[in-house]
Amino acid sequence: MATKTISIDLDAYRRLRAARLSPKDSFSKVIKRAHWENGSKTCGDLLAALPNIPAADESVLQRIEAAQRQDSPADNHWS
């Protein structure tokens, strides 16, 4: 069987290791069991998900508004 060596960050490694069913479970098996979402997302998908997304509370909105007030255009719009 051919193999490939990949580099992953420590967080990804910890998640892979935690997903093993036993110490002898290979990372290849863990990856093959993973559920990968296929296809592109559409506006309809977003609209369907909206009822399940919690609304931002007042403190979040206040921080966004404060950041927008402090934001100013760049001196040079080409940079």
C-alpha atoms as a PDB file:
ATOM      1  CA  MET A   1       0.000   0.000   0.000  1.00  0.00           C
ATOM      2  CA  ALA A   2       1.360   3.426  -0.967  1.00  0.00           C
ATOM      3  CA  THR A   3       1.612   6.118   1.683  1.00  0.00           C
ATOM      4  CA  LYS A   4       2.024   9.893   1.804  1.00  0.00           C
ATOM      5  CA  THR A   5       3.569  11.963   4.577  1.00  0.00           C
ATOM      6  CA  ILE A   6       1.625  15.079   5.579  1.00  0.00           C
ATOM      7  CA  SER A   7       2.244  17.872   8.049  1.00  0.00           C
ATOM      8  CA  ILE A   8      -0.504  18.933  10.439  1.00  0.00           C
ATOM      9  CA  ASP A   9      -0.517  21.348  13.350  1.00  0.00           C
ATOM     10  CA  LEU A  10      -0.629  20.107  16.936  1.00  0.00           C
ATOM     11  CA  ASP A  11      -4.334  20.838  17.364  1.00  0.00           C
ATOM     12  CA  ALA A  12      -5.187  18.721  14.302  1.00  0.00           C
ATOM     13  CA  TYR A  13      -2.910  15.940  15.604  1.00  0.00           C
ATOM     14  CA  ARG A  14      -4.609  15.966  19.014  1.00  0.00           C
ATOM     15  CA  ARG A  15      -8.041  15.811  17.365  1.00  0.00           C
ATOM     16  CA  LEU A  16      -7.005  12.904  15.162  1.00  0.00           C
ATOM     17  CA  ARG A  17      -5.491  11.067  18.123  1.00  0.00           C
ATOM     18  CA  ALA A  18      -8.630  11.650  20.210  1.00  0.00           C
ATOM     19  CA  ALA A  19     -10.822  10.291  17.396  1.00  0.00           C
ATOM     20  CA  ARG A  20      -9.103   6.903  17.403  1.00  0.00           C
ATOM     21  CA  LEU A  21     -11.291   4.040  18.611  1.00  0.00           C
ATOM     22  CA  SER A  22      -8.296   2.220  20.088  1.00  0.00           C
ATOM     23  CA  PRO A  23      -4.558   2.849  20.404  1.00  0.00           C
ATOM     24  CA  LYS A  24      -4.037   0.551  17.393  1.00  0.00           C
ATOM     25  CA  ASP A  25      -6.482   2.532  15.228  1.00  0.00           C
ATOM     26  CA  SER A  26      -4.512   4.210  12.446  1.00  0.00           C
ATOM     27  CA  PHE A  27      -4.887   7.849  11.474  1.00  0.00           C
ATOM     28  CA  SER A  28      -5.798   6.640   7.980  1.00  0.00           C
ATOM     29  CA  LYS A  29      -8.791   4.790   9.420  1.00  0.00           C
ATOM     30  CA  VAL A  30      -9.802   7.836  11.462  1.00  0.00           C
ATOM     31  CA  ILE A  31      -9.664  10.057   8.378  1.00  0.00           C
ATOM     32  CA  LYS A  32     -11.642   7.536   6.293  1.00  0.00           C
ATOM     33  CA  ARG A  33     -14.370   7.460   8.972  1.00  0.00           C
ATOM     34  CA  ALA A  34     -14.604  11.259   9.031  1.00  0.00           C
ATOM     35  CA  HIS A  35     -17.658  12.888   7.513  1.00  0.00           C
ATOM     36  CA  TRP A  36     -16.696  15.464   4.890  1.00  0.00           C
ATOM     37  CA  GLU A  37     -19.386  17.814   3.681  1.00  0.00           C
ATOM     38  CA  ASN A  38     -19.549  17.846  -0.090  1.00  0.00           C
ATOM     39  CA  GLY A  39     -20.933  20.452  -2.414  1.00  0.00           C
ATOM     40  CA  SER A  40     -21.061  24.181  -2.304  1.00  0.00           C
ATOM     41  CA  LYS A  41     -23.256  26.126   0.059  1.00  0.00           C
ATOM     42  CA  THR A  42     -26.131  28.125  -1.345  1.00  0.00           C
ATOM     43  CA  CYS A  43     -28.165  31.044  -0.116  1.00  0.00           C
ATOM     44  CA  GLY A  44     -30.994  28.575   0.440  1.00  0.00           C
ATOM     45  CA  ASP A  45     -28.723  26.582   2.793  1.00  0.00           C
ATOM     46  CA  LEU A  46     -27.988  29.759   4.740  1.00  0.00           C
ATOM     47  CA  LEU A  47     -31.667  30.682   4.976  1.00  0.00           C
ATOM     48  CA  ALA A  48     -32.508  27.165   6.174  1.00  0.00           C
ATOM     49  CA  ALA A  49     -29.810  27.384   8.872  1.00  0.00           C
ATOM     50  CA  LEU A  50     -30.806  30.830  10.179  1.00  0.00           C
ATOM     51  CA  PRO A  51     -33.405  29.592  12.698  1.00  0.00           C
ATOM     52  CA  ASN A  52     -30.673  27.493  14.378  1.00  0.00           C
ATOM     53  CA  ILE A  53     -28.109  30.309  14.621  1.00  0.00           C
ATOM     54  CA  PRO A  54     -28.310  32.258  17.882  1.00  0.00           C
ATOM     55  CA  ALA A  55     -28.677  36.016  17.618  1.00  0.00           C
ATOM     56  CA  ALA A  56     -25.776  38.177  18.774  1.00  0.00           C
ATOM     57  CA  ASP A  57     -26.370  39.673  22.202  1.00  0.00           C
ATOM     58  CA  GLU A  58     -26.283  43.413  22.885  1.00  0.00           C
ATOM     59  CA  SER A  59     -22.649  43.438  24.068  1.00  0.00           C
ATOM     60  CA  VAL A  60     -21.467  41.945  20.769  1.00  0.00           C
ATOM     61  CA  LEU A  61     -23.411  44.519  18.788  1.00  0.00           C
ATOM     62  CA  GLN A  62     -21.982  47.333  20.920  1.00  0.00           C
ATOM     63  CA  ARG A  63     -18.402  46.101  20.327  1.00  0.00           C
ATOM     64  CA  ILE A  64     -19.020  45.906  16.566  1.00  0.00           C
ATOM     65  CA  GLU A  65     -20.439  49.431  16.502  1.00  0.00           C
ATOM     66  CA  ALA A  66     -17.502  50.760  18.557  1.00  0.00           C
ATOM     67  CA  ALA A  67     -15.013  49.114  16.196  1.00  0.00           C
ATOM     68  CA  GLN A  68     -16.794  50.602  13.190  1.00  0.00           C
ATOM     69  CA  ARG A  69     -16.644  54.096  14.723  1.00  0.00           C
ATOM     70  CA  GLN A  70     -12.889  53.725  15.289  1.00  0.00           C
ATOM     71  CA  ASP A  71     -12.273  52.385  11.780  1.00  0.00           C
ATOM     72  CA  SER A  72     -11.060  54.945   9.269  1.00  0.00           C
ATOM     73  CA  PRO A  73     -10.212  54.694   5.599  1.00  0.00           C
ATOM     74  CA  ALA A  74      -6.628  53.913   4.660  1.00  0.00           C
ATOM     75  CA  ASP A  75      -4.388  56.863   3.752  1.00  0.00           C
ATOM     76  CA  ASN A  76      -3.533  55.102   0.506  1.00  0.00           C
ATOM     77  CA  HIS A  77      -6.360  53.014  -0.921  1.00  0.00           C
ATOM     78  CA  TRP A  78      -3.847  51.154  -3.121  1.00  0.00           C
ATOM     79  CA  SER A  79      -2.063  49.527  -0.185  1.00  0.00           C
END
